Amino acid sequence: MIKHVVKSTHTDETTRLAIRLGELLKPGAVITLEGDLGAGKTTFTKGLAKGLGIRKNVNSPTFTIMKEYRDGRIPLYHMDVYRMEDSGEDLGFDEYFEGDGVTVVEWASMIEEQLPKERLDIRIHRLGDDEREIILIPLGEDYIVLCEELVTG
């Protein structure tokens, strides 16, 4: 399994990485975010949204499961599935995963069985107040190429 580890010493660095990723993404991309509460999943998503050209304020969809943002170059579907358990039931997520936008899933391990096999898994570990270790795990050739461009470009 390929992994890219990026160290961030400040929120601004994390945001810049996410903006750059957003600029590189294409319709149909699926990004999963894992990390403890306060690790920076929503901060990362806000940066990603900026990279997609989204101007609206992005916040966590904790109590609504999903928020859609359509004012950028590509729609963003931001899901927070923390309160869900993988029931094996078809909840229609594949319509978003295979759709015209970029899907970001926070706490994706809760719906592991419903996730597409090809995606970019991102794990954010809090090392200190502002320090983060961001681990990028590309699953599938398109995501391997994407990560290479992201970390070397």
Protein backbone atom coordinates (compact mmCIF):
# COMPACT_ATOMS: atom_id res chain seq x y z
CA MET A 1 0.00 0.00 0.00
CA ILE A 2 1.33 3.41 -1.00
CA LYS A 3 1.32 6.15 1.64
CA HIS A 4 2.40 9.75 1.52
CA VAL A 5 3.03 11.45 4.86
CA VAL A 6 2.84 15.24 5.02
CA LYS A 7 3.69 17.18 8.15
CA SER A 8 1.83 20.41 8.79
CA THR A 9 3.00 22.82 11.49
CA HIS A 10 0.13 25.27 11.14
CA THR A 11 -3.51 25.36 10.06
CA ASP A 12 -2.49 27.48 7.07
CA GLU A 13 -0.21 24.69 5.78
CA THR A 14 -3.03 22.17 6.09
CA THR A 15 -5.36 24.53 4.27
CA ARG A 16 -2.83 25.11 1.45
CA LEU A 17 -2.42 21.35 0.95
CA ALA A 18 -6.21 20.93 0.80
CA ILE A 19 -6.59 23.86 -1.64
CA ARG A 20 -3.99 22.31 -3.94
CA LEU A 21 -5.79 18.95 -3.77
CA GLY A 22 -9.08 20.66 -4.61
CA GLU A 23 -7.50 22.27 -7.65
CA LEU A 24 -6.41 18.85 -8.94
CA LEU A 25 -9.65 16.94 -8.37
CA LYS A 26 -12.00 15.85 -11.11
CA PRO A 27 -15.72 14.98 -11.02
CA GLY A 28 -16.40 11.63 -9.39
CA ALA A 29 -13.48 11.88 -6.94
CA VAL A 30 -14.07 10.38 -3.49
CA ILE A 31 -12.03 11.54 -0.51
CA THR A 32 -12.36 9.96 2.93
CA LEU A 33 -11.23 11.74 6.09
CA GLU A 34 -10.42 10.04 9.37
CA GLY A 35 -9.09 11.61 12.54
CA ASP A 36 -10.04 12.30 16.12
CA LEU A 37 -12.38 15.14 17.03
CA GLY A 38 -10.51 18.38 16.48
CA ALA A 39 -7.90 16.80 14.19
CA GLY A 40 -8.81 19.13 11.33
CA LYS A 41 -11.16 17.20 9.06
CA THR A 42 -13.51 20.13 8.54
CA THR A 43 -10.59 22.56 8.19
CA PHE A 44 -9.21 20.31 5.47
CA THR A 45 -12.60 20.19 3.75
CA LYS A 46 -12.85 24.00 3.84
CA GLY A 47 -9.50 24.24 2.05
CA LEU A 48 -10.52 21.61 -0.47
CA ALA A 49 -13.71 23.60 -1.16
CA LYS A 50 -11.61 26.71 -1.84
CA GLY A 51 -9.57 24.70 -4.33
CA LEU A 52 -12.82 23.72 -6.05
CA GLY A 53 -13.77 27.40 -6.29
CA ILE A 54 -16.57 27.19 -3.73
CA ARG A 55 -17.29 30.53 -2.13
CA LYS A 56 -19.92 29.50 0.43
CA ASN A 57 -18.92 28.87 4.03
CA VAL A 58 -18.28 25.16 4.55
CA ASN A 59 -19.03 23.67 7.93
CA SER A 60 -19.47 20.19 9.32
CA PRO A 61 -22.73 18.46 8.37
CA THR A 62 -22.73 16.59 11.70
CA PHE A 63 -26.47 16.77 12.27
CA THR A 64 -27.60 16.60 8.64
CA ILE A 65 -25.29 13.82 7.37
CA MET A 66 -24.61 15.72 4.12
CA LYS A 67 -24.30 19.23 2.73
CA GLU A 68 -24.07 20.10 -0.94
CA TYR A 69 -22.11 23.05 -2.32
CA ARG A 70 -22.70 23.79 -6.01
CA ASP A 71 -21.16 27.23 -6.52
CA GLY A 72 -17.68 26.05 -7.57
CA ARG A 73 -16.19 24.53 -10.72
CA ILE A 74 -17.26 21.09 -9.42
CA PRO A 75 -20.00 20.39 -6.85
CA LEU A 76 -18.88 19.28 -3.39
CA TYR A 77 -20.82 16.69 -1.41
CA HIS A 78 -19.62 16.86 2.20
CA MET A 79 -20.76 13.94 4.34
CA ASP A 80 -20.30 13.31 8.04
CA VAL A 81 -21.34 9.75 8.82
CA TYR A 82 -20.14 9.69 12.43
CA ARG A 83 -23.56 8.77 13.77
CA MET A 84 -24.11 5.97 11.28
CA GLU A 85 -23.14 2.36 11.49
CA ASP A 86 -22.71 0.27 8.39
CA SER A 87 -26.06 -1.39 8.27
CA GLY A 88 -25.44 -2.97 4.89
CA GLU A 89 -28.53 -1.10 3.73
CA ASP A 90 -28.36 0.84 0.47
CA LEU A 91 -28.54 4.48 1.55
CA GLY A 92 -27.91 5.91 -1.92
CA PHE A 93 -24.33 7.02 -1.31
CA ASP A 94 -23.23 5.51 -4.63
CA GLU A 95 -25.25 8.17 -6.46
CA TYR A 96 -22.83 10.72 -5.01
CA PHE A 97 -19.71 8.54 -5.30
CA GLU A 98 -20.38 8.05 -9.01
CA GLY A 99 -21.81 11.50 -9.63
CA ASP A 100 -20.70 14.79 -11.11
CA GLY A 101 -19.03 16.18 -8.00
CA VAL A 102 -16.35 15.54 -5.43
CA THR A 103 -17.49 13.59 -2.38
CA VAL A 104 -15.77 14.06 0.99
CA VAL A 105 -16.73 11.59 3.71
CA GLU A 106 -15.75 12.29 7.31
CA TRP A 107 -15.64 9.23 9.58
CA ALA A 108 -15.77 7.01 6.48
CA SER A 109 -14.90 3.87 8.46
CA MET A 110 -18.52 3.89 9.65
CA ILE A 111 -19.69 3.01 6.11
CA GLU A 112 -16.63 1.09 4.91
CA GLU A 113 -18.68 -1.50 3.00
CA GLN A 114 -20.43 1.19 0.96
CA LEU A 115 -17.31 3.07 -0.12
CA PRO A 116 -15.94 2.70 -3.64
CA LYS A 117 -12.77 0.63 -3.89
CA GLU A 118 -10.97 3.46 -5.68
CA ARG A 119 -10.65 6.60 -3.57
CA LEU A 120 -8.21 8.74 -1.61
CA ASP A 121 -8.12 7.96 2.10
CA ILE A 122 -6.74 10.76 4.26
CA ARG A 123 -5.90 10.30 7.92
CA ILE A 124 -5.17 13.36 10.01
CA HIS A 125 -3.32 12.91 13.29
CA ARG A 126 -3.02 15.71 15.80
CA LEU A 127 0.57 16.07 17.00
CA GLY A 128 0.16 19.33 18.90
CA ASP A 129 -1.95 22.47 18.99
CA ASP A 130 -1.36 23.29 15.34
CA GLU A 131 0.83 20.39 14.21
CA ARG A 132 -0.68 17.62 12.12
CA GLU A 133 0.51 14.51 10.36
CA ILE A 134 -1.54 14.01 7.20
CA ILE A 135 -1.38 10.56 5.66
CA LEU A 136 -2.57 10.19 2.08
CA ILE A 137 -3.44 6.65 0.99
CA PRO A 138 -4.37 6.45 -2.70
CA LEU A 139 -6.51 3.47 -3.66
CA GLY A 140 -6.50 3.06 -7.43
CA GLU A 141 -4.25 4.26 -10.24
CA ASP A 142 -5.96 7.65 -10.69
CA TYR A 143 -5.44 8.45 -7.01
CA ILE A 144 -1.82 7.28 -7.09
CA VAL A 145 -1.15 9.74 -9.93
CA LEU A 146 -3.12 12.45 -8.11
CA CYS A 147 -1.05 12.04 -4.94
CA GLU A 148 2.23 12.09 -6.86
CA GLU A 149 1.20 15.38 -8.44
CA LEU A 150 0.02 16.75 -5.10
CA VAL A 151 3.15 15.97 -3.11
CA THR A 152 5.73 16.71 -5.82
CA GLY A 153 3.99 19.65 -7.54
